[in-house]
Amino acid sequence: MGAGEGTSLLDMPNPLEQVAAFKAQHYAALAYSLYDLRADVILDAPWRLVSVIGLGLGLFWLLRSKTLPRIFSEWPEPVEK
């Protein structure tokens, strides 16, 4: 069989399905990691959980705000010499 024989575009993996599977695996790993935390982790180092939750809420607020698109629409163009 020569190069390219025996394969078609239908046999090739869909990149979007690969990305979705990759995300699902990582979300599952994150959920399992959070579920498997020791019961006293909030007493041992509360800043670990509080900082992750705070960063997540801040990122969610930033992405949902009306300010971010305005910032990028007013971003200056690079100066050409």
C-alpha atoms as a PDB file:
ATOM      1  CA  MET A   1       0.000   0.000   0.000  1.00  0.00           C
ATOM      2  CA  GLY A   2       1.392   3.400  -0.944  1.00  0.00           C
ATOM      3  CA  ALA A   3       1.242   6.583   1.044  1.00  0.00           C
ATOM      4  CA  GLY A   4      -2.299   7.811   1.470  1.00  0.00           C
ATOM      5  CA  GLU A   5      -3.927   4.615   0.281  1.00  0.00           C
ATOM      6  CA  GLY A   6      -6.597   3.064   2.423  1.00  0.00           C
ATOM      7  CA  THR A   7      -7.455   6.219   4.333  1.00  0.00           C
ATOM      8  CA  SER A   8     -10.101   8.756   3.583  1.00  0.00           C
ATOM      9  CA  LEU A   9     -11.147  12.028   5.128  1.00  0.00           C
ATOM     10  CA  LEU A  10     -13.991  10.203   6.852  1.00  0.00           C
ATOM     11  CA  ASP A  11     -11.518   7.920   8.641  1.00  0.00           C
ATOM     12  CA  MET A  12      -9.470  10.821  10.014  1.00  0.00           C
ATOM     13  CA  PRO A  13     -10.247  11.934  13.590  1.00  0.00           C
ATOM     14  CA  ASN A  14     -12.289  15.091  13.961  1.00  0.00           C
ATOM     15  CA  PRO A  15     -10.159  17.780  15.693  1.00  0.00           C
ATOM     16  CA  LEU A  16     -13.213  19.227  17.449  1.00  0.00           C
ATOM     17  CA  GLU A  17     -14.057  15.844  18.920  1.00  0.00           C
ATOM     18  CA  GLN A  18     -10.447  15.471  20.073  1.00  0.00           C
ATOM     19  CA  VAL A  19     -10.569  18.870  21.790  1.00  0.00           C
ATOM     20  CA  ALA A  20     -13.888  18.018  23.440  1.00  0.00           C
ATOM     21  CA  ALA A  21     -12.491  14.712  24.705  1.00  0.00           C
ATOM     22  CA  PHE A  22      -9.352  16.457  25.976  1.00  0.00           C
ATOM     23  CA  LYS A  23     -11.452  19.028  27.884  1.00  0.00           C
ATOM     24  CA  ALA A  24     -13.734  16.355  29.301  1.00  0.00           C
ATOM     25  CA  GLN A  25     -10.757  14.377  30.607  1.00  0.00           C
ATOM     26  CA  HIS A  26      -9.285  17.435  32.291  1.00  0.00           C
ATOM     27  CA  TYR A  27     -12.595  18.538  33.811  1.00  0.00           C
ATOM     28  CA  ALA A  28     -13.067  15.014  35.141  1.00  0.00           C
ATOM     29  CA  ALA A  29      -9.559  15.067  36.619  1.00  0.00           C
ATOM     30  CA  LEU A  30     -10.252  18.448  38.253  1.00  0.00           C
ATOM     31  CA  ALA A  31     -13.550  17.229  39.692  1.00  0.00           C
ATOM     32  CA  TYR A  32     -11.911  14.070  41.016  1.00  0.00           C
ATOM     33  CA  SER A  33      -9.070  16.082  42.546  1.00  0.00           C
ATOM     34  CA  LEU A  34     -11.505  18.390  44.328  1.00  0.00           C
ATOM     35  CA  TYR A  35     -13.642  15.464  45.477  1.00  0.00           C
ATOM     36  CA  ASP A  36     -10.610  13.595  46.803  1.00  0.00           C
ATOM     37  CA  LEU A  37      -9.343  16.464  48.997  1.00  0.00           C
ATOM     38  CA  ARG A  38      -8.809  15.721  52.656  1.00  0.00           C
ATOM     39  CA  ALA A  39     -11.591  16.864  54.950  1.00  0.00           C
ATOM     40  CA  ASP A  40      -9.315  19.239  56.850  1.00  0.00           C
ATOM     41  CA  VAL A  41      -7.830  21.019  53.810  1.00  0.00           C
ATOM     42  CA  ILE A  42      -9.884  24.157  54.534  1.00  0.00           C
ATOM     43  CA  LEU A  43      -8.427  24.216  58.047  1.00  0.00           C
ATOM     44  CA  ASP A  44      -4.909  23.294  56.933  1.00  0.00           C
ATOM     45  CA  ALA A  45      -4.514  25.918  54.173  1.00  0.00           C
ATOM     46  CA  PRO A  46      -7.705  27.858  53.437  1.00  0.00           C
ATOM     47  CA  TRP A  47      -5.901  30.232  51.086  1.00  0.00           C
ATOM     48  CA  ARG A  48      -5.481  27.379  48.593  1.00  0.00           C
ATOM     49  CA  LEU A  49      -9.197  27.030  48.052  1.00  0.00           C
ATOM     50  CA  VAL A  50     -10.078  30.694  48.546  1.00  0.00           C
ATOM     51  CA  SER A  51      -7.477  31.908  46.028  1.00  0.00           C
ATOM     52  CA  VAL A  52      -8.619  29.471  43.317  1.00  0.00           C
ATOM     53  CA  ILE A  53     -12.265  30.395  43.861  1.00  0.00           C
ATOM     54  CA  GLY A  54     -11.398  34.112  43.861  1.00  0.00           C
ATOM     55  CA  LEU A  55      -9.386  33.851  40.654  1.00  0.00           C
ATOM     56  CA  GLY A  56     -12.174  31.877  38.996  1.00  0.00           C
ATOM     57  CA  LEU A  57     -14.811  34.405  40.007  1.00  0.00           C
ATOM     58  CA  GLY A  58     -12.612  37.295  38.858  1.00  0.00           C
ATOM     59  CA  LEU A  59     -11.997  35.685  35.470  1.00  0.00           C
ATOM     60  CA  PHE A  60     -15.706  34.906  35.077  1.00  0.00           C
ATOM     61  CA  TRP A  61     -16.607  38.522  35.932  1.00  0.00           C
ATOM     62  CA  LEU A  62     -13.993  39.885  33.528  1.00  0.00           C
ATOM     63  CA  LEU A  63     -15.142  37.721  30.644  1.00  0.00           C
ATOM     64  CA  ARG A  64     -18.807  38.600  31.242  1.00  0.00           C
ATOM     65  CA  SER A  65     -18.211  42.344  31.692  1.00  0.00           C
ATOM     66  CA  LYS A  66     -18.773  44.969  29.021  1.00  0.00           C
ATOM     67  CA  THR A  67     -15.404  46.548  29.761  1.00  0.00           C
ATOM     68  CA  LEU A  68     -13.191  43.905  28.176  1.00  0.00           C
ATOM     69  CA  PRO A  69     -14.474  44.318  24.581  1.00  0.00           C
ATOM     70  CA  ARG A  70     -14.091  48.095  24.962  1.00  0.00           C
ATOM     71  CA  ILE A  71     -10.481  47.705  26.034  1.00  0.00           C
ATOM     72  CA  PHE A  72      -9.613  45.609  23.004  1.00  0.00           C
ATOM     73  CA  SER A  73     -11.545  47.838  20.593  1.00  0.00           C
ATOM     74  CA  GLU A  74      -9.567  50.879  21.760  1.00  0.00           C
ATOM     75  CA  TRP A  75      -6.207  49.083  21.778  1.00  0.00           C
ATOM     76  CA  PRO A  76      -3.678  51.143  19.820  1.00  0.00           C
ATOM     77  CA  GLU A  77      -2.320  49.804  16.558  1.00  0.00           C
ATOM     78  CA  PRO A  78       1.402  49.027  16.459  1.00  0.00           C
ATOM     79  CA  VAL A  79       3.589  51.880  15.245  1.00  0.00           C
ATOM     80  CA  GLU A  80       5.267  51.114  11.925  1.00  0.00           C
ATOM     81  CA  LYS A  81       8.620  52.719  11.261  1.00  0.00           C
END
